[in-house]
PDB file of N, CA and C in Angstrom:
ATOM      1  N   MET A   1      53.594   8.800   5.066  1.00  0.00           N
ATOM      2  CA  MET A   1      53.088   7.495   4.712  1.00  0.00           C
ATOM      3  C   MET A   1      51.936   7.620   3.707  1.00  0.00           C
ATOM      4  N   ASN A   2      50.968   8.551   4.015  1.00  0.00           N
ATOM      5  CA  ASN A   2      49.854   8.806   3.184  1.00  0.00           C
ATOM      6  C   ASN A   2      50.280   9.294   1.715  1.00  0.00           C
ATOM      7  N   LYS A   3      51.327  10.103   1.735  1.00  0.00           N
ATOM      8  CA  LYS A   3      51.821  10.585   0.435  1.00  0.00           C
ATOM      9  C   LYS A   3      52.397   9.457  -0.342  1.00  0.00           C
ATOM     10  N   LEU A   4      53.146   8.512   0.259  1.00  0.00           N
ATOM     11  CA  LEU A   4      53.689   7.344  -0.433  1.00  0.00           C
ATOM     12  C   LEU A   4      52.626   6.517  -0.995  1.00  0.00           C
ATOM     13  N   ILE A   5      51.564   6.245  -0.202  1.00  0.00           N
ATOM     14  CA  ILE A   5      50.411   5.418  -0.717  1.00  0.00           C
ATOM     15  C   ILE A   5      49.725   6.051  -1.882  1.00  0.00           C
ATOM     16  N   ALA A   6      49.548   7.486  -1.821  1.00  0.00           N
ATOM     17  CA  ALA A   6      48.948   8.143  -2.878  1.00  0.00           C
ATOM     18  C   ALA A   6      49.765   8.100  -4.100  1.00  0.00           C
ATOM     19  N   LEU A   7      51.089   8.185  -3.947  1.00  0.00           N
ATOM     20  CA  LEU A   7      52.010   8.081  -5.091  1.00  0.00           C
ATOM     21  C   LEU A   7      52.002   6.748  -5.783  1.00  0.00           C
ATOM     22  N   ILE A   8      51.883   5.704  -4.908  1.00  0.00           N
ATOM     23  CA  ILE A   8      51.857   4.324  -5.418  1.00  0.00           C
ATOM     24  C   ILE A   8      50.563   4.147  -6.137  1.00  0.00           C
ATOM     25  N   VAL A   9      49.394   4.548  -5.659  1.00  0.00           N
ATOM     26  CA  VAL A   9      48.146   4.500  -6.317  1.00  0.00           C
ATOM     27  C   VAL A   9      48.181   5.276  -7.642  1.00  0.00           C
ATOM     28  N   PHE A  10      48.692   6.476  -7.686  1.00  0.00           N
ATOM     29  CA  PHE A  10      48.841   7.311  -8.902  1.00  0.00           C
ATOM     30  C   PHE A  10      49.611   6.531  -9.981  1.00  0.00           C
ATOM     31  N   VAL A  11      50.706   5.996  -9.610  1.00  0.00           N
ATOM     32  CA  VAL A  11      51.640   5.318 -10.521  1.00  0.00           C
ATOM     33  C   VAL A  11      50.898   4.077 -11.103  1.00  0.00           C
ATOM     34  N   LEU A  12      50.220   3.310 -10.200  1.00  0.00           N
ATOM     35  CA  LEU A  12      49.522   2.186 -10.654  1.00  0.00           C
ATOM     36  C   LEU A  12      48.367   2.483 -11.574  1.00  0.00           C
ATOM     37  N   VAL A  13      47.627   3.472 -11.273  1.00  0.00           N
ATOM     38  CA  VAL A  13      46.507   3.824 -12.217  1.00  0.00           C
ATOM     39  C   VAL A  13      47.085   4.426 -13.499  1.00  0.00           C
ATOM     40  N   THR A  14      48.179   5.108 -13.507  1.00  0.00           N
ATOM     41  CA  THR A  14      48.738   5.615 -14.748  1.00  0.00           C
ATOM     42  C   THR A  14      49.298   4.483 -15.640  1.00  0.00           C
ATOM     43  N   VAL A  15      49.941   3.511 -15.002  1.00  0.00           N
ATOM     44  CA  VAL A  15      50.445   2.330 -15.762  1.00  0.00           C
ATOM     45  C   VAL A  15      49.289   1.543 -16.375  1.00  0.00           C
ATOM     46  N   LEU A  16      48.200   1.333 -15.545  1.00  0.00           N
ATOM     47  CA  LEU A  16      47.051   0.556 -16.005  1.00  0.00           C
ATOM     48  C   LEU A  16      46.315   1.277 -17.091  1.00  0.00           C
ATOM     49  N   TYR A  17      46.179   2.588 -17.101  1.00  0.00           N
ATOM     50  CA  TYR A  17      45.233   3.274 -17.941  1.00  0.00           C
ATOM     51  C   TYR A  17      45.938   4.254 -19.047  1.00  0.00           C
ATOM     52  N   VAL A  18      47.208   4.409 -19.036  1.00  0.00           N
ATOM     53  CA  VAL A  18      47.814   5.297 -20.066  1.00  0.00           C
ATOM     54  C   VAL A  18      48.838   4.400 -20.797  1.00  0.00           C
ATOM     55  N   GLY A  19      48.644   4.572 -22.242  1.00  0.00           N
ATOM     56  CA  GLY A  19      49.550   3.921 -23.131  1.00  0.00           C
ATOM     57  C   GLY A  19      50.024   4.802 -24.156  1.00  0.00           C
ATOM     58  N   TYR A  20      50.928   4.219 -24.998  1.00  0.00           N
ATOM     59  CA  TYR A  20      51.423   5.161 -26.117  1.00  0.00           C
ATOM     60  C   TYR A  20      51.852   4.217 -27.295  1.00  0.00           C
ATOM     61  N   TYR A  21      51.955   4.869 -28.426  1.00  0.00           N
ATOM     62  CA  TYR A  21      52.549   4.157 -29.628  1.00  0.00           C
ATOM     63  C   TYR A  21      53.286   5.298 -30.390  1.00  0.00           C
ATOM     64  N   GLU A  22      54.203   4.962 -31.233  1.00  0.00           N
ATOM     65  CA  GLU A  22      54.938   5.848 -31.959  1.00  0.00           C
ATOM     66  C   GLU A  22      54.477   5.912 -33.393  1.00  0.00           C
ATOM     67  N   ALA A  23      54.435   7.143 -33.987  1.00  0.00           N
ATOM     68  CA  ALA A  23      54.055   7.332 -35.406  1.00  0.00           C
ATOM     69  C   ALA A  23      54.976   8.279 -36.087  1.00  0.00           C
ATOM     70  N   LEU A  24      55.212   7.884 -37.313  1.00  0.00           N
ATOM     71  CA  LEU A  24      56.103   8.794 -38.164  1.00  0.00           C
ATOM     72  C   LEU A  24      55.326   9.938 -38.710  1.00  0.00           C
ATOM     73  N   GLU A  25      55.513  11.131 -38.293  1.00  0.00           N
ATOM     74  CA  GLU A  25      54.802  12.368 -38.722  1.00  0.00           C
ATOM     75  C   GLU A  25      55.820  13.351 -39.264  1.00  0.00           C
ATOM     76  N   ASP A  26      55.656  13.866 -40.509  1.00  0.00           N
ATOM     77  CA  ASP A  26      56.571  14.800 -41.104  1.00  0.00           C
ATOM     78  C   ASP A  26      58.073  14.485 -40.918  1.00  0.00           C
ATOM     79  N   GLY A  27      58.402  13.195 -41.182  1.00  0.00           N
ATOM     80  CA  GLY A  27      59.783  12.815 -40.992  1.00  0.00           C
ATOM     81  C   GLY A  27      60.308  12.541 -39.685  1.00  0.00           C
ATOM     82  N   GLU A  28      59.566  12.807 -38.644  1.00  0.00           N
ATOM     83  CA  GLU A  28      59.933  12.624 -37.227  1.00  0.00           C
ATOM     84  C   GLU A  28      58.989  11.630 -36.518  1.00  0.00           C
ATOM     85  N   ILE A  29      59.665  10.920 -35.539  1.00  0.00           N
ATOM     86  CA  ILE A  29      58.827  10.018 -34.745  1.00  0.00           C
ATOM     87  C   ILE A  29      58.232  10.677 -33.686  1.00  0.00           C
ATOM     88  N   ASP A  30      56.895  10.723 -33.588  1.00  0.00           N
ATOM     89  CA  ASP A  30      56.095  11.329 -32.507  1.00  0.00           C
ATOM     90  C   ASP A  30      55.664  10.217 -31.599  1.00  0.00           C
ATOM     91  N   THR A  31      55.555  10.464 -30.304  1.00  0.00           N
ATOM     92  CA  THR A  31      54.978   9.572 -29.450  1.00  0.00           C
ATOM     93  C   THR A  31      53.538  10.046 -29.053  1.00  0.00           C
ATOM     94  N   ILE A  32      52.582   9.158 -29.347  1.00  0.00           N
ATOM     95  CA  ILE A  32      51.099   9.418 -29.163  1.00  0.00           C
ATOM     96  C   ILE A  32      50.760   8.834 -27.921  1.00  0.00           C
ATOM     97  N   LEU A  33      50.233   9.599 -26.921  1.00  0.00           N
ATOM     98  CA  LEU A  33      49.703   9.105 -25.675  1.00  0.00           C
ATOM     99  C   LEU A  33      48.261   8.899 -25.754  1.00  0.00           C
ATOM    100  N   PHE A  34      47.673   7.876 -25.072  1.00  0.00           N
ATOM    101  CA  PHE A  34      46.230   7.749 -25.117  1.00  0.00           C
ATOM    102  C   PHE A  34      45.740   7.093 -23.825  1.00  0.00           C
ATOM    103  N   ILE A  35      44.511   7.235 -23.537  1.00  0.00           N
ATOM    104  CA  ILE A  35      43.915   6.642 -22.319  1.00  0.00           C
ATOM    105  C   ILE A  35      43.337   5.284 -22.840  1.00  0.00           C
ATOM    106  N   LYS A  36      43.764   4.185 -22.115  1.00  0.00           N
ATOM    107  CA  LYS A  36      43.274   2.917 -22.506  1.00  0.00           C
ATOM    108  C   LYS A  36      41.816   2.648 -22.119  1.00  0.00           C
ATOM    109  N   LYS A  37      41.146   1.921 -23.018  1.00  0.00           N
ATOM    110  CA  LYS A  37      39.719   1.504 -22.824  1.00  0.00           C
ATOM    111  C   LYS A  37      39.625   0.512 -21.728  1.00  0.00           C
ATOM    112  N   HIS A  38      40.610  -0.275 -21.556  1.00  0.00           N
ATOM    113  CA  HIS A  38      40.615  -1.391 -20.618  1.00  0.00           C
ATOM    114  C   HIS A  38      42.008  -1.396 -19.863  1.00  0.00           C
ATOM    115  N   PRO A  39      41.948  -1.684 -18.577  1.00  0.00           N
ATOM    116  CA  PRO A  39      43.288  -1.675 -17.871  1.00  0.00           C
ATOM    117  C   PRO A  39      44.177  -2.797 -18.320  1.00  0.00           C
ATOM    118  N   THR A  40      45.468  -2.548 -18.418  1.00  0.00           N
ATOM    119  CA  THR A  40      46.436  -3.607 -18.683  1.00  0.00           C
ATOM    120  C   THR A  40      47.730  -2.968 -18.336  1.00  0.00           C
ATOM    121  N   PHE A  41      48.780  -3.874 -18.013  1.00  0.00           N
ATOM    122  CA  PHE A  41      50.053  -3.457 -17.610  1.00  0.00           C
ATOM    123  C   PHE A  41      50.876  -3.127 -18.906  1.00  0.00           C
ATOM    124  N   GLN A  42      50.391  -3.472 -20.033  1.00  0.00           N
ATOM    125  CA  GLN A  42      51.119  -3.104 -21.273  1.00  0.00           C
ATOM    126  C   GLN A  42      51.042  -1.626 -21.464  1.00  0.00           C
ATOM    127  N   ILE A  43      52.193  -0.998 -21.718  1.00  0.00           N
ATOM    128  CA  ILE A  43      52.240   0.407 -21.865  1.00  0.00           C
ATOM    129  C   ILE A  43      52.501   0.828 -23.346  1.00  0.00           C
ATOM    130  N   LYS A  44      53.440   0.142 -23.997  1.00  0.00           N
ATOM    131  CA  LYS A  44      53.730   0.428 -25.410  1.00  0.00           C
ATOM    132  C   LYS A  44      52.871  -0.444 -26.359  1.00  0.00           C
ATOM    133  N   PHE A  45      52.286   0.303 -27.259  1.00  0.00           N
ATOM    134  CA  PHE A  45      51.532  -0.416 -28.240  1.00  0.00           C
ATOM    135  C   PHE A  45      52.079  -0.151 -29.660  1.00  0.00           C
ATOM    136  N   TYR A  46      51.650  -0.931 -30.653  1.00  0.00           N
ATOM    137  CA  TYR A  46      52.136  -0.661 -32.007  1.00  0.00           C
ATOM    138  C   TYR A  46      50.923  -0.497 -32.903  1.00  0.00           C
ATOM    139  N   ASN A  47      50.930   0.644 -33.541  1.00  0.00           N
ATOM    140  CA  ASN A  47      49.841   0.893 -34.544  1.00  0.00           C
ATOM    141  C   ASN A  47      50.532   0.693 -35.891  1.00  0.00           C
ATOM    142  N   ILE A  48      50.159  -0.508 -36.375  1.00  0.00           N
ATOM    143  CA  ILE A  48      50.819  -0.926 -37.724  1.00  0.00           C
ATOM    144  C   ILE A  48      50.391  -0.025 -38.883  1.00  0.00           C
ATOM    145  N   HIS A  49      49.328   0.732 -38.761  1.00  0.00           N
ATOM    146  CA  HIS A  49      48.897   1.722 -39.821  1.00  0.00           C
ATOM    147  C   HIS A  49      49.564   3.195 -39.579  1.00  0.00           C
ATOM    148  N   ALA A  50      50.195   3.348 -38.507  1.00  0.00           N
ATOM    149  CA  ALA A  50      50.633   4.760 -38.179  1.00  0.00           C
ATOM    150  C   ALA A  50      51.925   5.095 -39.125  1.00  0.00           C
ATOM    151  N   ASN A  51      52.590   4.117 -39.614  1.00  0.00           N
ATOM    152  CA  ASN A  51      53.872   4.415 -40.287  1.00  0.00           C
ATOM    153  C   ASN A  51      53.813   4.159 -41.871  1.00  0.00           C
ATOM    154  N   ASP A  52      52.863   3.466 -42.286  1.00  0.00           N
ATOM    155  CA  ASP A  52      52.696   3.235 -43.710  1.00  0.00           C
ATOM    156  C   ASP A  52      51.243   3.636 -43.986  1.00  0.00           C
ATOM    157  N   GLY A  53      51.002   4.279 -45.213  1.00  0.00           N
ATOM    158  CA  GLY A  53      49.706   4.749 -45.647  1.00  0.00           C
ATOM    159  C   GLY A  53      48.726   3.743 -46.142  1.00  0.00           C
ATOM    160  N   GLU A  54      49.194   2.659 -46.506  1.00  0.00           N
ATOM    161  CA  GLU A  54      48.311   1.651 -47.109  1.00  0.00           C
ATOM    162  C   GLU A  54      47.806   0.638 -46.096  1.00  0.00           C
ATOM    163  N   ILE A  55      46.588   0.149 -46.220  1.00  0.00           N
ATOM    164  CA  ILE A  55      45.974  -0.865 -45.421  1.00  0.00           C
ATOM    165  C   ILE A  55      46.552  -2.223 -45.757  1.00  0.00           C
ATOM    166  N   ARG A  56      47.060  -2.919 -44.823  1.00  0.00           N
ATOM    167  CA  ARG A  56      47.641  -4.236 -45.060  1.00  0.00           C
ATOM    168  C   ARG A  56      46.556  -5.251 -45.218  1.00  0.00           C
ATOM    169  N   LYS A  57      46.835  -6.177 -45.972  1.00  0.00           N
ATOM    170  CA  LYS A  57      45.761  -7.348 -46.227  1.00  0.00           C
ATOM    171  C   LYS A  57      45.878  -8.239 -45.063  1.00  0.00           C
ATOM    172  N   VAL A  58      44.778  -8.763 -44.597  1.00  0.00           N
ATOM    173  CA  VAL A  58      44.755  -9.647 -43.428  1.00  0.00           C
ATOM    174  C   VAL A  58      45.536 -10.899 -43.664  1.00  0.00           C
ATOM    175  N   GLU A  59      45.627 -11.325 -44.918  1.00  0.00           N
ATOM    176  CA  GLU A  59      46.377 -12.528 -45.283  1.00  0.00           C
ATOM    177  C   GLU A  59      47.869 -12.229 -45.198  1.00  0.00           C
ATOM    178  N   GLN A  60      48.287 -11.038 -45.361  1.00  0.00           N
ATOM    179  CA  GLN A  60      49.705 -10.646 -45.279  1.00  0.00           C
ATOM    180  C   GLN A  60      50.308 -10.512 -43.925  1.00  0.00           C
ATOM    181  N   LEU A  61      49.481 -10.450 -42.915  1.00  0.00           N
ATOM    182  CA  LEU A  61      49.924 -10.145 -41.564  1.00  0.00           C
ATOM    183  C   LEU A  61      50.589 -11.364 -40.928  1.00  0.00           C
ATOM    184  N   THR A  62      51.696 -11.080 -40.213  1.00  0.00           N
ATOM    185  CA  THR A  62      52.286 -12.189 -39.460  1.00  0.00           C
ATOM    186  C   THR A  62      51.474 -12.346 -38.152  1.00  0.00           C
ATOM    187  N   GLU A  63      51.742 -13.358 -37.498  1.00  0.00           N
ATOM    188  CA  GLU A  63      51.008 -13.566 -36.115  1.00  0.00           C
ATOM    189  C   GLU A  63      51.321 -12.449 -35.214  1.00  0.00           C
ATOM    190  N   GLU A  64      52.553 -12.065 -35.165  1.00  0.00           N
ATOM    191  CA  GLU A  64      52.915 -10.952 -34.280  1.00  0.00           C
ATOM    192  C   GLU A  64      52.189  -9.627 -34.676  1.00  0.00           C
ATOM    193  N   GLU A  65      52.213  -9.378 -35.979  1.00  0.00           N
ATOM    194  CA  GLU A  65      51.434  -8.124 -36.461  1.00  0.00           C
ATOM    195  C   GLU A  65      50.023  -8.216 -36.018  1.00  0.00           C
ATOM    196  N   ARG A  66      49.444  -9.397 -36.286  1.00  0.00           N
ATOM    197  CA  ARG A  66      47.972  -9.614 -35.941  1.00  0.00           C
ATOM    198  C   ARG A  66      47.735  -9.384 -34.454  1.00  0.00           C
ATOM    199  N   ASN A  67      48.649  -9.823 -33.584  1.00  0.00           N
ATOM    200  CA  ASN A  67      48.462  -9.652 -32.108  1.00  0.00           C
ATOM    201  C   ASN A  67      48.660  -8.030 -31.747  1.00  0.00           C
ATOM    202  N   TRP A  68      49.554  -7.483 -32.486  1.00  0.00           N
ATOM    203  CA  TRP A  68      49.781  -5.948 -32.314  1.00  0.00           C
ATOM    204  C   TRP A  68      48.402  -5.272 -32.566  1.00  0.00           C
ATOM    205  N   ILE A  69      47.904  -5.644 -33.719  1.00  0.00           N
ATOM    206  CA  ILE A  69      46.578  -4.865 -34.111  1.00  0.00           C
ATOM    207  C   ILE A  69      45.421  -5.208 -33.107  1.00  0.00           C
ATOM    208  N   ILE A  70      45.392  -6.481 -32.678  1.00  0.00           N
ATOM    209  CA  ILE A  70      44.316  -6.874 -31.823  1.00  0.00           C
ATOM    210  C   ILE A  70      44.451  -6.094 -30.466  1.00  0.00           C
ATOM    211  N   ASP A  71      45.689  -5.946 -29.917  1.00  0.00           N
ATOM    212  CA  ASP A  71      45.977  -5.230 -28.725  1.00  0.00           C
ATOM    213  C   ASP A  71      45.612  -3.709 -28.932  1.00  0.00           C
ATOM    214  N   TYR A  72      46.117  -3.159 -29.976  1.00  0.00           N
ATOM    215  CA  TYR A  72      45.793  -1.725 -30.307  1.00  0.00           C
ATOM    216  C   TYR A  72      44.274  -1.501 -30.424  1.00  0.00           C
ATOM    217  N   CYS A  73      43.682  -2.447 -31.051  1.00  0.00           N
ATOM    218  CA  CYS A  73      42.261  -2.166 -31.322  1.00  0.00           C
ATOM    219  C   CYS A  73      41.462  -2.329 -30.009  1.00  0.00           C
ATOM    220  N   ARG A  74      41.801  -3.291 -29.132  1.00  0.00           N
ATOM    221  CA  ARG A  74      41.141  -3.455 -27.854  1.00  0.00           C
ATOM    222  C   ARG A  74      41.445  -2.267 -26.892  1.00  0.00           C
ATOM    223  N   TYR A  75      42.681  -1.899 -26.731  1.00  0.00           N
ATOM    224  CA  TYR A  75      43.010  -0.964 -25.682  1.00  0.00           C
ATOM    225  C   TYR A  75      42.799   0.559 -26.046  1.00  0.00           C
ATOM    226  N   LEU A  76      43.112   0.785 -27.277  1.00  0.00           N
ATOM    227  CA  LEU A  76      42.946   2.243 -27.745  1.00  0.00           C
ATOM    228  C   LEU A  76      41.593   2.437 -28.209  1.00  0.00           C
ATOM    229  N   LEU A  77      40.947   1.602 -29.011  1.00  0.00           N
ATOM    230  CA  LEU A  77      39.662   1.804 -29.615  1.00  0.00           C
ATOM    231  C   LEU A  77      38.503   1.147 -28.819  1.00  0.00           C
ATOM    232  N   GLY A  78      38.822   0.231 -27.942  1.00  0.00           N
ATOM    233  CA  GLY A  78      37.760  -0.485 -27.276  1.00  0.00           C
ATOM    234  C   GLY A  78      37.055  -1.476 -27.998  1.00  0.00           C
ATOM    235  N   ILE A  79      37.671  -2.023 -29.050  1.00  0.00           N
ATOM    236  CA  ILE A  79      36.992  -2.975 -29.992  1.00  0.00           C
ATOM    237  C   ILE A  79      37.684  -4.321 -29.802  1.00  0.00           C
ATOM    238  N   ASP A  80      36.890  -5.312 -29.415  1.00  0.00           N
ATOM    239  CA  ASP A  80      37.400  -6.696 -29.376  1.00  0.00           C
ATOM    240  C   ASP A  80      37.155  -7.372 -30.783  1.00  0.00           C
ATOM    241  N   THR A  81      38.275  -7.958 -31.244  1.00  0.00           N
ATOM    242  CA  THR A  81      38.217  -8.594 -32.601  1.00  0.00           C
ATOM    243  C   THR A  81      39.170  -9.722 -32.672  1.00  0.00           C
ATOM    244  N   ASP A  82      38.876 -10.744 -33.529  1.00  0.00           N
ATOM    245  CA  ASP A  82      39.767 -11.784 -33.728  1.00  0.00           C
ATOM    246  C   ASP A  82      40.687 -11.493 -34.964  1.00  0.00           C
ATOM    247  N   LEU A  83      40.317 -10.430 -35.716  1.00  0.00           N
ATOM    248  CA  LEU A  83      41.044  -9.956 -36.912  1.00  0.00           C
ATOM    249  C   LEU A  83      41.055 -11.103 -37.975  1.00  0.00           C
ATOM    250  N   LYS A  84      39.814 -11.535 -38.377  1.00  0.00           N
ATOM    251  CA  LYS A  84      39.721 -12.625 -39.254  1.00  0.00           C
ATOM    252  C   LYS A  84      39.490 -12.100 -40.743  1.00  0.00           C
ATOM    253  N   THR A  85      38.858 -10.906 -40.858  1.00  0.00           N
ATOM    254  CA  THR A  85      38.512 -10.362 -42.077  1.00  0.00           C
ATOM    255  C   THR A  85      39.175  -9.019 -42.407  1.00  0.00           C
ATOM    256  N   GLN A  86      39.275  -8.598 -43.648  1.00  0.00           N
ATOM    257  CA  GLN A  86      39.786  -7.421 -44.109  1.00  0.00           C
ATOM    258  C   GLN A  86      39.059  -6.204 -43.400  1.00  0.00           C
ATOM    259  N   TYR A  87      37.792  -6.365 -43.185  1.00  0.00           N
ATOM    260  CA  TYR A  87      36.973  -5.359 -42.556  1.00  0.00           C
ATOM    261  C   TYR A  87      37.527  -5.104 -41.140  1.00  0.00           C
ATOM    262  N   ASP A  88      37.830  -6.218 -40.457  1.00  0.00           N
ATOM    263  CA  ASP A  88      38.383  -6.016 -39.057  1.00  0.00           C
ATOM    264  C   ASP A  88      39.678  -5.219 -39.079  1.00  0.00           C
ATOM    265  N   VAL A  89      40.505  -5.342 -40.046  1.00  0.00           N
ATOM    266  CA  VAL A  89      41.797  -4.604 -40.149  1.00  0.00           C
ATOM    267  C   VAL A  89      41.441  -3.138 -40.368  1.00  0.00           C
ATOM    268  N   GLU A  90      40.512  -2.833 -41.261  1.00  0.00           N
ATOM    269  CA  GLU A  90      40.091  -1.505 -41.569  1.00  0.00           C
ATOM    270  C   GLU A  90      39.471  -0.774 -40.343  1.00  0.00           C
ATOM    271  N   VAL A  91      38.671  -1.507 -39.528  1.00  0.00           N
ATOM    272  CA  VAL A  91      38.020  -0.931 -38.441  1.00  0.00           C
ATOM    273  C   VAL A  91      39.077  -0.508 -37.415  1.00  0.00           C
ATOM    274  N   CYS A  92      40.131  -1.266 -37.317  1.00  0.00           N
ATOM    275  CA  CYS A  92      41.238  -1.036 -36.362  1.00  0.00           C
ATOM    276  C   CYS A  92      42.241  -0.085 -36.951  1.00  0.00           C
ATOM    277  N   ARG A  93      41.950   0.474 -38.026  1.00  0.00           N
ATOM    278  CA  ARG A  93      42.947   1.470 -38.650  1.00  0.00           C
ATOM    279  C   ARG A  93      42.827   2.926 -37.997  1.00  0.00           C
ATOM    280  N   LYS A  94      41.747   3.247 -37.334  1.00  0.00           N
ATOM    281  CA  LYS A  94      41.499   4.525 -36.856  1.00  0.00           C
ATOM    282  C   LYS A  94      42.604   4.963 -35.908  1.00  0.00           C
ATOM    283  N   LYS A  95      43.010   6.157 -36.029  1.00  0.00           N
ATOM    284  CA  LYS A  95      44.113   6.756 -35.225  1.00  0.00           C
ATOM    285  C   LYS A  95      43.532   7.546 -34.093  1.00  0.00           C
TER     286      LYS A  95
END
């Protein structure tokens, strides 16, 4: 019984604090694991800058892309942002 409880706690902590995103490196897709700065049940994140080399303009982002960057920035980098300016996009570009 104690092993089962320990396993459940381990899985829960892992889900809450470990995330990943995929990045195109050398023609292959790599899975990048990271420790989240804040707990969340979201596991897969999208780094919009991992697959294209140029910085996207804040005006060009769709609402979905904006939410991806906000989540990535909060959980991977620990930065809370509304993503209103180009500077916000550039700050969240860190890999």
